[in-house]
Amino acid sequence: MLEIRVIMNSPVEEILAFKCCHMLDLNLELHLKNTGPVPVSVPSSCELVNDQERLRIDYLYPQGGYSIQPGEIVAFYCSLDDAIFDRFRAIVFRDGAGREHTASLKSAGGPQSGSGAKPADRAP
């Protein structure tokens, strides 16, 4: 099972620019923690969902597939407009076995049943 932490308007762009990459506008930070007893494989893509639509985001950084070991945390980053973020209620990662791992994007939403997910944080 994955616990997903979403941080909108993260300061990660400044950190990556200072350290190495000079990647601009990375304001969305995603942390995936494997809370289960076996490794979970995930691609560097996800979907934002609401009652009417699903928006696939396949430009997460770093690119590639990842095997998250039990207890391990993997972080992804991307650029996403606030107006787009605000349209959606949840984020979904699909693992290598086809299972969906969901987290609420609304602070008032709280964890969704069985997901181990936390609501999104907004950085100042």
PDB file of N, CA and C in Angstrom:
ATOM      1  N   MET A   1       0.846  -1.170   0.000  1.00  0.00           N
ATOM      2  CA  MET A   1       0.000   0.000   0.000  1.00  0.00           C
ATOM      3  C   MET A   1       0.895   1.238   0.000  1.00  0.00           C
ATOM      4  N   LEU A   2       0.469   2.263  -0.727  1.00  0.00           N
ATOM      5  CA  LEU A   2       1.211   3.518  -0.787  1.00  0.00           C
ATOM      6  C   LEU A   2       0.494   4.609  -0.013  1.00  0.00           C
ATOM      7  N   GLU A   3       1.251   5.328   0.792  1.00  0.00           N
ATOM      8  CA  GLU A   3       0.767   6.545   1.425  1.00  0.00           C
ATOM      9  C   GLU A   3       1.293   7.688   0.560  1.00  0.00           C
ATOM     10  N   ILE A   4       0.390   8.548   0.111  1.00  0.00           N
ATOM     11  CA  ILE A   4       0.754   9.616  -0.815  1.00  0.00           C
ATOM     12  C   ILE A   4       0.604  10.958  -0.121  1.00  0.00           C
ATOM     13  N   ARG A   5       1.663  11.740  -0.151  1.00  0.00           N
ATOM     14  CA  ARG A   5       1.625  13.101   0.400  1.00  0.00           C
ATOM     15  C   ARG A   5       1.797  14.066  -0.760  1.00  0.00           C
ATOM     16  N   VAL A   6       0.890  15.012  -0.877  1.00  0.00           N
ATOM     17  CA  VAL A   6       0.883  15.989  -1.965  1.00  0.00           C
ATOM     18  C   VAL A   6       1.185  17.361  -1.372  1.00  0.00           C
ATOM     19  N   ILE A   7       2.195  18.035  -1.921  1.00  0.00           N
ATOM     20  CA  ILE A   7       2.564  19.369  -1.440  1.00  0.00           C
ATOM     21  C   ILE A   7       2.508  20.325  -2.632  1.00  0.00           C
ATOM     22  N   MET A   8       1.472  21.148  -2.662  1.00  0.00           N
ATOM     23  CA  MET A   8       1.319  22.125  -3.739  1.00  0.00           C
ATOM     24  C   MET A   8       2.074  23.396  -3.371  1.00  0.00           C
ATOM     25  N   ASN A   9       2.688  24.033  -4.354  1.00  0.00           N
ATOM     26  CA  ASN A   9       3.511  25.232  -4.187  1.00  0.00           C
ATOM     27  C   ASN A   9       4.719  24.976  -3.296  1.00  0.00           C
ATOM     28  N   SER A  10       5.329  23.833  -3.523  1.00  0.00           N
ATOM     29  CA  SER A  10       6.538  23.431  -2.813  1.00  0.00           C
ATOM     30  C   SER A  10       7.712  24.314  -3.226  1.00  0.00           C
ATOM     31  N   PRO A  11       8.662  24.565  -2.319  1.00  0.00           N
ATOM     32  CA  PRO A  11       9.851  25.349  -2.670  1.00  0.00           C
ATOM     33  C   PRO A  11      10.941  24.504  -3.337  1.00  0.00           C
ATOM     34  N   VAL A  12      10.610  23.302  -3.796  1.00  0.00           N
ATOM     35  CA  VAL A  12      11.618  22.388  -4.325  1.00  0.00           C
ATOM     36  C   VAL A  12      12.362  22.954  -5.528  1.00  0.00           C
ATOM     37  N   GLU A  13      11.721  23.808  -6.325  1.00  0.00           N
ATOM     38  CA  GLU A  13      12.399  24.388  -7.492  1.00  0.00           C
ATOM     39  C   GLU A  13      13.682  25.093  -7.082  1.00  0.00           C
ATOM     40  N   GLU A  14      13.628  25.870  -6.005  1.00  0.00           N
ATOM     41  CA  GLU A  14      14.807  26.593  -5.535  1.00  0.00           C
ATOM     42  C   GLU A  14      15.906  25.636  -5.096  1.00  0.00           C
ATOM     43  N   ILE A  15      15.524  24.549  -4.464  1.00  0.00           N
ATOM     44  CA  ILE A  15      16.497  23.565  -3.988  1.00  0.00           C
ATOM     45  C   ILE A  15      17.170  22.872  -5.171  1.00  0.00           C
ATOM     46  N   LEU A  16      16.385  22.403  -6.139  1.00  0.00           N
ATOM     47  CA  LEU A  16      16.960  21.723  -7.299  1.00  0.00           C
ATOM     48  C   LEU A  16      17.814  22.672  -8.134  1.00  0.00           C
ATOM     49  N   ALA A  17      17.390  23.915  -8.272  1.00  0.00           N
ATOM     50  CA  ALA A  17      18.176  24.888  -9.030  1.00  0.00           C
ATOM     51  C   ALA A  17      19.522  25.126  -8.359  1.00  0.00           C
ATOM     52  N   PHE A  18      19.525  25.192  -7.040  1.00  0.00           N
ATOM     53  CA  PHE A  18      20.763  25.410  -6.300  1.00  0.00           C
ATOM     54  C   PHE A  18      21.684  24.203  -6.400  1.00  0.00           C
ATOM     55  N   LYS A  19      21.122  22.993  -6.278  1.00  0.00           N
ATOM     56  CA  LYS A  19      21.936  21.778  -6.229  1.00  0.00           C
ATOM     57  C   LYS A  19      22.438  21.327  -7.587  1.00  0.00           C
ATOM     58  N   CYS A  20      21.568  21.375  -8.625  1.00  0.00           N
ATOM     59  CA  CYS A  20      22.014  20.711  -9.847  1.00  0.00           C
ATOM     60  C   CYS A  20      21.324  21.112 -11.132  1.00  0.00           C
ATOM     61  N   CYS A  21      20.050  21.208 -11.113  1.00  0.00           N
ATOM     62  CA  CYS A  21      19.301  20.978 -12.342  1.00  0.00           C
ATOM     63  C   CYS A  21      18.755  22.204 -13.034  1.00  0.00           C
ATOM     64  N   HIS A  22      18.546  23.274 -12.336  1.00  0.00           N
ATOM     65  CA  HIS A  22      17.912  24.480 -12.882  1.00  0.00           C
ATOM     66  C   HIS A  22      16.629  24.128 -13.650  1.00  0.00           C
ATOM     67  N   MET A  23      15.780  23.356 -13.023  1.00  0.00           N
ATOM     68  CA  MET A  23      14.483  23.003 -13.598  1.00  0.00           C
ATOM     69  C   MET A  23      13.471  24.001 -13.079  1.00  0.00           C
ATOM     70  N   LEU A  24      12.794  24.672 -13.985  1.00  0.00           N
ATOM     71  CA  LEU A  24      11.921  25.777 -13.614  1.00  0.00           C
ATOM     72  C   LEU A  24      10.495  25.327 -13.330  1.00  0.00           C
ATOM     73  N   ASP A  25       9.841  26.064 -12.443  1.00  0.00           N
ATOM     74  CA  ASP A  25       8.401  25.931 -12.174  1.00  0.00           C
ATOM     75  C   ASP A  25       7.968  24.598 -11.587  1.00  0.00           C
ATOM     76  N   LEU A  26       8.824  23.917 -10.863  1.00  0.00           N
ATOM     77  CA  LEU A  26       8.416  22.674 -10.203  1.00  0.00           C
ATOM     78  C   LEU A  26       7.738  23.032  -8.886  1.00  0.00           C
ATOM     79  N   ASN A  27       6.410  23.172  -8.922  1.00  0.00           N
ATOM     80  CA  ASN A  27       5.690  23.627  -7.739  1.00  0.00           C
ATOM     81  C   ASN A  27       4.870  22.530  -7.066  1.00  0.00           C
ATOM     82  N   LEU A  28       4.827  21.340  -7.660  1.00  0.00           N
ATOM     83  CA  LEU A  28       4.074  20.235  -7.067  1.00  0.00           C
ATOM     84  C   LEU A  28       5.045  19.140  -6.665  1.00  0.00           C
ATOM     85  N   GLU A  29       5.020  18.774  -5.394  1.00  0.00           N
ATOM     86  CA  GLU A  29       5.900  17.745  -4.841  1.00  0.00           C
ATOM     87  C   GLU A  29       5.035  16.594  -4.341  1.00  0.00           C
ATOM     88  N   LEU A  30       5.407  15.375  -4.717  1.00  0.00           N
ATOM     89  CA  LEU A  30       4.649  14.178  -4.358  1.00  0.00           C
ATOM     90  C   LEU A  30       5.564  13.189  -3.653  1.00  0.00           C
ATOM     91  N   HIS A  31       5.169  12.746  -2.467  1.00  0.00           N
ATOM     92  CA  HIS A  31       5.924  11.740  -1.726  1.00  0.00           C
ATOM     93  C   HIS A  31       5.100  10.458  -1.677  1.00  0.00           C
ATOM     94  N   LEU A  32       5.691   9.359  -2.099  1.00  0.00           N
ATOM     95  CA  LEU A  32       5.028   8.052  -2.057  1.00  0.00           C
ATOM     96  C   LEU A  32       5.792   7.172  -1.077  1.00  0.00           C
ATOM     97  N   LYS A  33       5.111   6.746  -0.028  1.00  0.00           N
ATOM     98  CA  LYS A  33       5.731   5.882   0.979  1.00  0.00           C
ATOM     99  C   LYS A  33       5.077   4.510   0.914  1.00  0.00           C
ATOM    100  N   ASN A  34       5.901   3.480   0.801  1.00  0.00           N
ATOM    101  CA  ASN A  34       5.398   2.118   0.794  1.00  0.00           C
ATOM    102  C   ASN A  34       5.177   1.680   2.240  1.00  0.00           C
ATOM    103  N   THR A  35       3.915   1.558   2.640  1.00  0.00           N
ATOM    104  CA  THR A  35       3.580   1.158   4.002  1.00  0.00           C
ATOM    105  C   THR A  35       3.275  -0.343   4.101  1.00  0.00           C
ATOM    106  N   GLY A  36       3.416  -1.048   2.988  1.00  0.00           N
ATOM    107  CA  GLY A  36       3.136  -2.483   2.969  1.00  0.00           C
ATOM    108  C   GLY A  36       4.381  -3.313   3.195  1.00  0.00           C
ATOM    109  N   PRO A  37       4.222  -4.658   3.181  1.00  0.00           N
ATOM    110  CA  PRO A  37       5.335  -5.563   3.461  1.00  0.00           C
ATOM    111  C   PRO A  37       6.133  -5.994   2.229  1.00  0.00           C
ATOM    112  N   VAL A  38       5.689  -5.611   1.025  1.00  0.00           N
ATOM    113  CA  VAL A  38       6.377  -6.022  -0.212  1.00  0.00           C
ATOM    114  C   VAL A  38       6.664  -4.799  -1.077  1.00  0.00           C
ATOM    115  N   PRO A  39       7.661  -4.876  -1.963  1.00  0.00           N
ATOM    116  CA  PRO A  39       7.954  -3.752  -2.852  1.00  0.00           C
ATOM    117  C   PRO A  39       6.760  -3.424  -3.748  1.00  0.00           C
ATOM    118  N   VAL A  40       6.620  -2.140  -4.093  1.00  0.00           N
ATOM    119  CA  VAL A  40       5.572  -1.668  -4.990  1.00  0.00           C
ATOM    120  C   VAL A  40       6.255  -0.937  -6.135  1.00  0.00           C
ATOM    121  N   SER A  41       5.935  -1.323  -7.377  1.00  0.00           N
ATOM    122  CA  SER A  41       6.495  -0.672  -8.559  1.00  0.00           C
ATOM    123  C   SER A  41       5.532   0.392  -9.065  1.00  0.00           C
ATOM    124  N   VAL A  42       6.073   1.585  -9.369  1.00  0.00           N
ATOM    125  CA  VAL A  42       5.248   2.672  -9.911  1.00  0.00           C
ATOM    126  C   VAL A  42       6.003   3.356 -11.041  1.00  0.00           C
ATOM    127  N   PRO A  43       5.254   3.827 -12.043  1.00  0.00           N
ATOM    128  CA  PRO A  43       5.871   4.660 -13.082  1.00  0.00           C
ATOM    129  C   PRO A  43       5.901   6.111 -12.621  1.00  0.00           C
ATOM    130  N   SER A  44       6.578   6.963 -13.388  1.00  0.00           N
ATOM    131  CA  SER A  44       6.620   8.388 -13.056  1.00  0.00           C
ATOM    132  C   SER A  44       5.448   9.100 -13.732  1.00  0.00           C
ATOM    133  N   SER A  45       4.248   8.615 -13.420  1.00  0.00           N
ATOM    134  CA  SER A  45       3.023   9.239 -13.925  1.00  0.00           C
ATOM    135  C   SER A  45       1.906   9.011 -12.916  1.00  0.00           C
ATOM    136  N   CYS A  46       0.882   9.848 -13.009  1.00  0.00           N
ATOM    137  CA  CYS A  46      -0.265   9.740 -12.122  1.00  0.00           C
ATOM    138  C   CYS A  46      -1.460  10.366 -12.825  1.00  0.00           C
ATOM    139  N   GLU A  47      -2.600  10.375 -12.149  1.00  0.00           N
ATOM    140  CA  GLU A  47      -3.801  11.013 -12.679  1.00  0.00           C
ATOM    141  C   GLU A  47      -4.435  11.867 -11.598  1.00  0.00           C
ATOM    142  N   LEU A  48      -4.957  13.007 -12.007  1.00  0.00           N
ATOM    143  CA  LEU A  48      -5.795  13.821 -11.139  1.00  0.00           C
ATOM    144  C   LEU A  48      -7.229  13.494 -11.515  1.00  0.00           C
ATOM    145  N   VAL A  49      -8.093  13.329 -10.506  1.00  0.00           N
ATOM    146  CA  VAL A  49      -9.468  12.916 -10.784  1.00  0.00           C
ATOM    147  C   VAL A  49     -10.472  13.806 -10.056  1.00  0.00           C
ATOM    148  N   ASN A  50     -11.636  13.934 -10.693  1.00  0.00           N
ATOM    149  CA  ASN A  50     -12.815  14.509 -10.063  1.00  0.00           C
ATOM    150  C   ASN A  50     -14.002  13.711 -10.595  1.00  0.00           C
ATOM    151  N   ASP A  51     -15.212  14.153 -10.345  1.00  0.00           N
ATOM    152  CA  ASP A  51     -16.384  13.383 -10.750  1.00  0.00           C
ATOM    153  C   ASP A  51     -16.591  13.340 -12.264  1.00  0.00           C
ATOM    154  N   GLN A  52     -16.009  14.302 -12.996  1.00  0.00           N
ATOM    155  CA  GLN A  52     -16.241  14.382 -14.431  1.00  0.00           C
ATOM    156  C   GLN A  52     -15.057  13.978 -15.296  1.00  0.00           C
ATOM    157  N   GLU A  53     -13.839  14.038 -14.756  1.00  0.00           N
ATOM    158  CA  GLU A  53     -12.679  13.817 -15.616  1.00  0.00           C
ATOM    159  C   GLU A  53     -11.485  13.241 -14.869  1.00  0.00           C
ATOM    160  N   ARG A  54     -10.558  12.718 -15.683  1.00  0.00           N
ATOM    161  CA  ARG A  54      -9.265  12.240 -15.206  1.00  0.00           C
ATOM    162  C   ARG A  54      -8.207  12.901 -16.073  1.00  0.00           C
ATOM    163  N   LEU A  55      -7.239  13.543 -15.455  1.00  0.00           N
ATOM    164  CA  LEU A  55      -6.151  14.198 -16.170  1.00  0.00           C
ATOM    165  C   LEU A  55      -4.860  13.431 -15.903  1.00  0.00           C
ATOM    166  N   ARG A  56      -4.294  12.857 -16.951  1.00  0.00           N
ATOM    167  CA  ARG A  56      -3.051  12.099 -16.804  1.00  0.00           C
ATOM    168  C   ARG A  56      -1.866  13.059 -16.796  1.00  0.00           C
ATOM    169  N   ILE A  57      -0.981  12.875 -15.821  1.00  0.00           N
ATOM    170  CA  ILE A  57       0.255  13.647 -15.734  1.00  0.00           C
ATOM    171  C   ILE A  57       1.394  12.655 -15.942  1.00  0.00           C
ATOM    172  N   ASP A  58       2.029  12.743 -17.103  1.00  0.00           N
ATOM    173  CA  ASP A  58       3.099  11.790 -17.411  1.00  0.00           C
ATOM    174  C   ASP A  58       4.451  12.483 -17.551  1.00  0.00           C
ATOM    175  N   TYR A  59       4.576  13.640 -16.912  1.00  0.00           N
ATOM    176  CA  TYR A  59       5.827  14.395 -16.975  1.00  0.00           C
ATOM    177  C   TYR A  59       6.417  14.621 -15.578  1.00  0.00           C
ATOM    178  N   LEU A  60       6.247  13.646 -14.697  1.00  0.00           N
ATOM    179  CA  LEU A  60       6.836  13.759 -13.366  1.00  0.00           C
ATOM    180  C   LEU A  60       8.356  13.601 -13.458  1.00  0.00           C
ATOM    181  N   TYR A  61       9.053  14.330 -12.600  1.00  0.00           N
ATOM    182  CA  TYR A  61      10.508  14.248 -12.507  1.00  0.00           C
ATOM    183  C   TYR A  61      10.868  13.610 -11.178  1.00  0.00           C
ATOM    184  N   PRO A  62      11.762  12.661 -11.120  1.00  0.00           N
ATOM    185  CA  PRO A  62      12.529  12.082 -12.208  1.00  0.00           C
ATOM    186  C   PRO A  62      11.716  11.058 -13.003  1.00  0.00           C
ATOM    187  N   GLN A  63      12.038  10.950 -14.284  1.00  0.00           N
ATOM    188  CA  GLN A  63      11.354  10.022 -15.182  1.00  0.00           C
ATOM    189  C   GLN A  63      11.778   8.585 -14.896  1.00  0.00           C
ATOM    190  N   GLY A  64      10.913   7.649 -15.280  1.00  0.00           N
ATOM    191  CA  GLY A  64      11.249   6.230 -15.183  1.00  0.00           C
ATOM    192  C   GLY A  64      10.321   5.475 -14.268  1.00  0.00           C
ATOM    193  N   GLY A  65      10.576   4.194 -14.138  1.00  0.00           N
ATOM    194  CA  GLY A  65       9.826   3.349 -13.224  1.00  0.00           C
ATOM    195  C   GLY A  65      10.625   3.131 -11.954  1.00  0.00           C
ATOM    196  N   TYR A  66       9.936   2.972 -10.846  1.00  0.00           N
ATOM    197  CA  TYR A  66      10.599   2.839  -9.551  1.00  0.00           C
ATOM    198  C   TYR A  66       9.999   1.695  -8.754  1.00  0.00           C
ATOM    199  N   SER A  67      10.854   0.948  -8.086  1.00  0.00           N
ATOM    200  CA  SER A  67      10.421  -0.084  -7.155  1.00  0.00           C
ATOM    201  C   SER A  67      10.633   0.486  -5.755  1.00  0.00           C
ATOM    202  N   ILE A  68       9.524   0.705  -5.040  1.00  0.00           N
ATOM    203  CA  ILE A  68       9.588   1.305  -3.702  1.00  0.00           C
ATOM    204  C   ILE A  68       9.578   0.171  -2.681  1.00  0.00           C
ATOM    205  N   GLN A  69      10.648   0.048  -1.950  1.00  0.00           N
ATOM    206  CA  GLN A  69      10.784  -1.001  -0.947  1.00  0.00           C
ATOM    207  C   GLN A  69       9.933  -0.665   0.285  1.00  0.00           C
ATOM    208  N   PRO A  70       9.561  -1.679   1.089  1.00  0.00           N
ATOM    209  CA  PRO A  70       8.782  -1.414   2.308  1.00  0.00           C
ATOM    210  C   PRO A  70       9.474  -0.370   3.191  1.00  0.00           C
ATOM    211  N   GLY A  71       8.712   0.631   3.603  1.00  0.00           N
ATOM    212  CA  GLY A  71       9.228   1.699   4.451  1.00  0.00           C
ATOM    213  C   GLY A  71       9.928   2.815   3.702  1.00  0.00           C
ATOM    214  N   GLU A  72      10.199   2.630   2.423  1.00  0.00           N
ATOM    215  CA  GLU A  72      10.920   3.616   1.618  1.00  0.00           C
ATOM    216  C   GLU A  72       9.982   4.698   1.096  1.00  0.00           C
ATOM    217  N   ILE A  73      10.537   5.896   0.878  1.00  0.00           N
ATOM    218  CA  ILE A  73       9.794   7.018   0.317  1.00  0.00           C
ATOM    219  C   ILE A  73      10.463   7.442  -0.989  1.00  0.00           C
ATOM    220  N   VAL A  74       9.664   7.662  -2.016  1.00  0.00           N
ATOM    221  CA  VAL A  74      10.138   8.177  -3.296  1.00  0.00           C
ATOM    222  C   VAL A  74       9.433   9.506  -3.529  1.00  0.00           C
ATOM    223  N   ALA A  75      10.155  10.484  -4.085  1.00  0.00           N
ATOM    224  CA  ALA A  75       9.568  11.796  -4.355  1.00  0.00           C
ATOM    225  C   ALA A  75       9.547  12.067  -5.857  1.00  0.00           C
ATOM    226  N   PHE A  76       8.455  12.673  -6.308  1.00  0.00           N
ATOM    227  CA  PHE A  76       8.312  13.132  -7.681  1.00  0.00           C
ATOM    228  C   PHE A  76       7.970  14.608  -7.655  1.00  0.00           C
ATOM    229  N   TYR A  77       8.275  15.292  -8.757  1.00  0.00           N
ATOM    230  CA  TYR A  77       8.041  16.720  -8.857  1.00  0.00           C
ATOM    231  C   TYR A  77       7.510  17.057 -10.249  1.00  0.00           C
ATOM    232  N   CYS A  78       6.711  18.106 -10.345  1.00  0.00           N
ATOM    233  CA  CYS A  78       6.276  18.607 -11.648  1.00  0.00           C
ATOM    234  C   CYS A  78       5.752  20.026 -11.504  1.00  0.00           C
ATOM    235  N   SER A  79       5.457  20.616 -12.628  1.00  0.00           N
ATOM    236  CA  SER A  79       4.858  21.936 -12.679  1.00  0.00           C
ATOM    237  C   SER A  79       3.364  21.771 -12.941  1.00  0.00           C
ATOM    238  N   LEU A  80       2.540  22.440 -12.150  1.00  0.00           N
ATOM    239  CA  LEU A  80       1.095  22.348 -12.333  1.00  0.00           C
ATOM    240  C   LEU A  80       0.449  23.665 -11.905  1.00  0.00           C
ATOM    241  N   ASP A  81      -0.371  24.210 -12.769  1.00  0.00           N
ATOM    242  CA  ASP A  81      -1.066  25.455 -12.486  1.00  0.00           C
ATOM    243  C   ASP A  81      -2.044  25.263 -11.327  1.00  0.00           C
ATOM    244  N   ASP A  82      -2.119  26.240 -10.432  1.00  0.00           N
ATOM    245  CA  ASP A  82      -3.037  26.182  -9.289  1.00  0.00           C
ATOM    246  C   ASP A  82      -4.485  25.968  -9.717  1.00  0.00           C
ATOM    247  N   ALA A  83      -4.890  26.612 -10.802  1.00  0.00           N
ATOM    248  CA  ALA A  83      -6.277  26.491 -11.268  1.00  0.00           C
ATOM    249  C   ALA A  83      -6.598  25.064 -11.702  1.00  0.00           C
ATOM    250  N   ILE A  84      -5.636  24.402 -12.303  1.00  0.00           N
ATOM    251  CA  ILE A  84      -5.842  22.995 -12.686  1.00  0.00           C
ATOM    252  C   ILE A  84      -5.899  22.134 -11.436  1.00  0.00           C
ATOM    253  N   PHE A  85      -4.949  22.326 -10.526  1.00  0.00           N
ATOM    254  CA  PHE A  85      -4.922  21.569  -9.272  1.00  0.00           C
ATOM    255  C   PHE A  85      -6.256  21.686  -8.529  1.00  0.00           C
ATOM    256  N   ASP A  86      -6.790  22.900  -8.465  1.00  0.00           N
ATOM    257  CA  ASP A  86      -8.012  23.157  -7.706  1.00  0.00           C
ATOM    258  C   ASP A  86      -9.256  22.499  -8.309  1.00  0.00           C
ATOM    259  N   ARG A  87      -9.204  22.133  -9.576  1.00  0.00           N
ATOM    260  CA  ARG A  87     -10.350  21.476 -10.232  1.00  0.00           C
ATOM    261  C   ARG A  87     -10.538  20.025  -9.776  1.00  0.00           C
ATOM    262  N   PHE A  88      -9.512  19.419  -9.208  1.00  0.00           N
ATOM    263  CA  PHE A  88      -9.551  17.984  -8.933  1.00  0.00           C
ATOM    264  C   PHE A  88      -9.651  17.694  -7.447  1.00  0.00           C
ATOM    265  N   ARG A  89     -10.207  16.516  -7.124  1.00  0.00           N
ATOM    266  CA  ARG A  89     -10.414  16.136  -5.724  1.00  0.00           C
ATOM    267  C   ARG A  89      -9.423  15.090  -5.224  1.00  0.00           C
ATOM    268  N   ALA A  90      -8.757  14.370  -6.164  1.00  0.00           N
ATOM    269  CA  ALA A  90      -7.858  13.289  -5.742  1.00  0.00           C
ATOM    270  C   ALA A  90      -6.756  13.075  -6.770  1.00  0.00           C
ATOM    271  N   ILE A  91      -5.688  12.424  -6.306  1.00  0.00           N
ATOM    272  CA  ILE A  91      -4.591  12.013  -7.174  1.00  0.00           C
ATOM    273  C   ILE A  91      -4.491  10.493  -7.091  1.00  0.00           C
ATOM    274  N   VAL A  92      -4.187   9.858  -8.218  1.00  0.00           N
ATOM    275  CA  VAL A  92      -4.144   8.397  -8.288  1.00  0.00           C
ATOM    276  C   VAL A  92      -2.831   7.951  -8.919  1.00  0.00           C
ATOM    277  N   PHE A  93      -2.130   7.048  -8.256  1.00  0.00           N
ATOM    278  CA  PHE A  93      -0.977   6.345  -8.824  1.00  0.00           C
ATOM    279  C   PHE A  93      -1.391   4.900  -9.046  1.00  0.00           C
ATOM    280  N   ARG A  94      -1.060   4.357 -10.193  1.00  0.00           N
ATOM    281  CA  ARG A  94      -1.352   2.955 -10.504  1.00  0.00           C
ATOM    282  C   ARG A  94      -0.038   2.188 -10.445  1.00  0.00           C
ATOM    283  N   ASP A  95      -0.001   1.128  -9.635  1.00  0.00           N
ATOM    284  CA  ASP A  95       1.234   0.358  -9.483  1.00  0.00           C
ATOM    285  C   ASP A  95       1.369  -0.693 -10.592  1.00  0.00           C
ATOM    286  N   GLY A  96       2.489  -1.405 -10.581  1.00  0.00           N
ATOM    287  CA  GLY A  96       2.776  -2.404 -11.600  1.00  0.00           C
ATOM    288  C   GLY A  96       1.789  -3.544 -11.645  1.00  0.00           C
ATOM    289  N   ALA A  97       1.048  -3.778 -10.554  1.00  0.00           N
ATOM    290  CA  ALA A  97       0.028  -4.838 -10.507  1.00  0.00           C
ATOM    291  C   ALA A  97      -1.352  -4.312 -10.918  1.00  0.00           C
ATOM    292  N   GLY A  98      -1.426  -3.031 -11.280  1.00  0.00           N
ATOM    293  CA  GLY A  98      -2.700  -2.449 -11.718  1.00  0.00           C
ATOM    294  C   GLY A  98      -3.566  -1.896 -10.604  1.00  0.00           C
ATOM    295  N   ARG A  99      -3.086  -1.947  -9.352  1.00  0.00           N
ATOM    296  CA  ARG A  99      -3.854  -1.397  -8.232  1.00  0.00           C
ATOM    297  C   ARG A  99      -3.731   0.120  -8.219  1.00  0.00           C
ATOM    298  N   GLU A 100      -4.819   0.791  -7.856  1.00  0.00           N
ATOM    299  CA  GLU A 100      -4.817   2.248  -7.747  1.00  0.00           C
ATOM    300  C   GLU A 100      -4.609   2.665  -6.296  1.00  0.00           C
ATOM    301  N   HIS A 101      -3.723   3.636  -6.112  1.00  0.00           N
ATOM    302  CA  HIS A 101      -3.437   4.217  -4.799  1.00  0.00           C
ATOM    303  C   HIS A 101      -3.853   5.680  -4.892  1.00  0.00           C
ATOM    304  N   THR A 102      -4.774   6.088  -4.000  1.00  0.00           N
ATOM    305  CA  THR A 102      -5.431   7.389  -4.111  1.00  0.00           C
ATOM    306  C   THR A 102      -5.180   8.250  -2.881  1.00  0.00           C
ATOM    307  N   ALA A 103      -5.032   9.556  -3.124  1.00  0.00           N
ATOM    308  CA  ALA A 103      -4.930  10.528  -2.032  1.00  0.00           C
ATOM    309  C   ALA A 103      -5.844  11.702  -2.339  1.00  0.00           C
ATOM    310  N   SER A 104      -6.465  12.229  -1.299  1.00  0.00           N
ATOM    311  CA  SER A 104      -7.312  13.408  -1.427  1.00  0.00           C
ATOM    312  C   SER A 104      -6.451  14.640  -1.691  1.00  0.00           C
ATOM    313  N   LEU A 105      -6.951  15.539  -2.513  1.00  0.00           N
ATOM    314  CA  LEU A 105      -6.277  16.815  -2.760  1.00  0.00           C
ATOM    315  C   LEU A 105      -6.912  17.949  -1.971  1.00  0.00           C
ATOM    316  N   LYS A 106      -7.981  17.662  -1.278  1.00  0.00           N
ATOM    317  CA  LYS A 106      -8.704  18.690  -0.529  1.00  0.00           C
ATOM    318  C   LYS A 106      -8.409  18.542   0.956  1.00  0.00           C
ATOM    319  N   SER A 107      -7.995  19.610   1.592  1.00  0.00           N
ATOM    320  CA  SER A 107      -7.634  19.577   3.010  1.00  0.00           C
ATOM    321  C   SER A 107      -8.757  19.050   3.886  1.00  0.00           C
ATOM    322  N   ALA A 108      -9.992  19.384   3.551  1.00  0.00           N
ATOM    323  CA  ALA A 108     -11.123  18.948   4.357  1.00  0.00           C
ATOM    324  C   ALA A 108     -11.482  17.490   4.092  1.00  0.00           C
ATOM    325  N   GLY A 109     -10.922  16.910   3.027  1.00  0.00           N
ATOM    326  CA  GLY A 109     -11.295  15.557   2.626  1.00  0.00           C
ATOM    327  C   GLY A 109     -10.763  14.477   3.540  1.00  0.00           C
ATOM    328  N   GLY A 110      -9.570  14.652   4.087  1.00  0.00           N
ATOM    329  CA  GLY A 110      -8.978  13.637   4.939  1.00  0.00           C
ATOM    330  C   GLY A 110      -8.619  12.385   4.165  1.00  0.00           C
ATOM    331  N   PRO A 111      -8.063  11.393   4.821  1.00  0.00           N
ATOM    332  CA  PRO A 111      -7.678  10.166   4.153  1.00  0.00           C
ATOM    333  C   PRO A 111      -8.884   9.449   3.555  1.00  0.00           C
ATOM    334  N   GLN A 112      -8.680   8.861   2.418  1.00  0.00           N
ATOM    335  CA  GLN A 112      -9.740   8.082   1.799  1.00  0.00           C
ATOM    336  C   GLN A 112      -9.634   6.655   2.292  1.00  0.00           C
ATOM    337  N   SER A 113     -10.755   6.008   2.432  1.00  0.00           N
ATOM    338  CA  SER A 113     -10.822   4.671   3.003  1.00  0.00           C
ATOM    339  C   SER A 113      -9.890   3.698   2.300  1.00  0.00           C
ATOM    340  N   GLY A 114      -9.023   3.081   3.065  1.00  0.00           N
ATOM    341  CA  GLY A 114      -8.147   2.045   2.542  1.00  0.00           C
ATOM    342  C   GLY A 114      -6.955   2.564   1.765  1.00  0.00           C
ATOM    343  N   SER A 115      -6.816   3.857   1.598  1.00  0.00           N
ATOM    344  CA  SER A 115      -5.743   4.360   0.752  1.00  0.00           C
ATOM    345  C   SER A 115      -4.468   4.662   1.531  1.00  0.00           C
ATOM    346  N   GLY A 116      -4.579   4.921   2.817  1.00  0.00           N
ATOM    347  CA  GLY A 116      -3.418   5.349   3.578  1.00  0.00           C
ATOM    348  C   GLY A 116      -2.975   6.742   3.169  1.00  0.00           C
ATOM    349  N   ALA A 117      -3.811   7.450   2.449  1.00  0.00           N
ATOM    350  CA  ALA A 117      -3.428   8.734   1.879  1.00  0.00           C
ATOM    351  C   ALA A 117      -3.736   9.877   2.822  1.00  0.00           C
ATOM    352  N   LYS A 118      -2.993  10.949   2.627  1.00  0.00           N
ATOM    353  CA  LYS A 118      -3.192  12.174   3.420  1.00  0.00           C
ATOM    354  C   LYS A 118      -3.664  13.275   2.494  1.00  0.00           C
ATOM    355  N   PRO A 119      -4.426  14.255   3.012  1.00  0.00           N
ATOM    356  CA  PRO A 119      -4.846  15.372   2.169  1.00  0.00           C
ATOM    357  C   PRO A 119      -3.654  16.219   1.764  1.00  0.00           C
ATOM    358  N   ALA A 120      -3.826  16.995   0.712  1.00  0.00           N
ATOM    359  CA  ALA A 120      -2.749  17.827   0.184  1.00  0.00           C
ATOM    360  C   ALA A 120      -2.382  18.934   1.159  1.00  0.00           C
ATOM    361  N   ASP A 121      -1.101  19.247   1.168  1.00  0.00           N
ATOM    362  CA  ASP A 121      -0.581  20.392   1.905  1.00  0.00           C
ATOM    363  C   ASP A 121      -0.392  21.524   0.921  1.00  0.00           C
ATOM    364  N   ARG A 122      -0.494  22.738   1.410  1.00  0.00           N
ATOM    365  CA  ARG A 122      -0.178  23.913   0.599  1.00  0.00           C
ATOM    366  C   ARG A 122       0.978  24.614   1.268  1.00  0.00           C
ATOM    367  N   ALA A 123       2.093  24.703   0.553  1.00  0.00           N
ATOM    368  CA  ALA A 123       3.241  25.417   1.100  1.00  0.00           C
ATOM    369  C   ALA A 123       2.948  26.919   1.065  1.00  0.00           C
ATOM    370  N   PRO A 124       3.478  27.672   2.022  1.00  0.00           N
ATOM    371  CA  PRO A 124       3.226  29.117   2.041  1.00  0.00           C
ATOM    372  C   PRO A 124       3.821  29.811   0.840  1.00  0.00           C
TER     373      PRO A 124
END
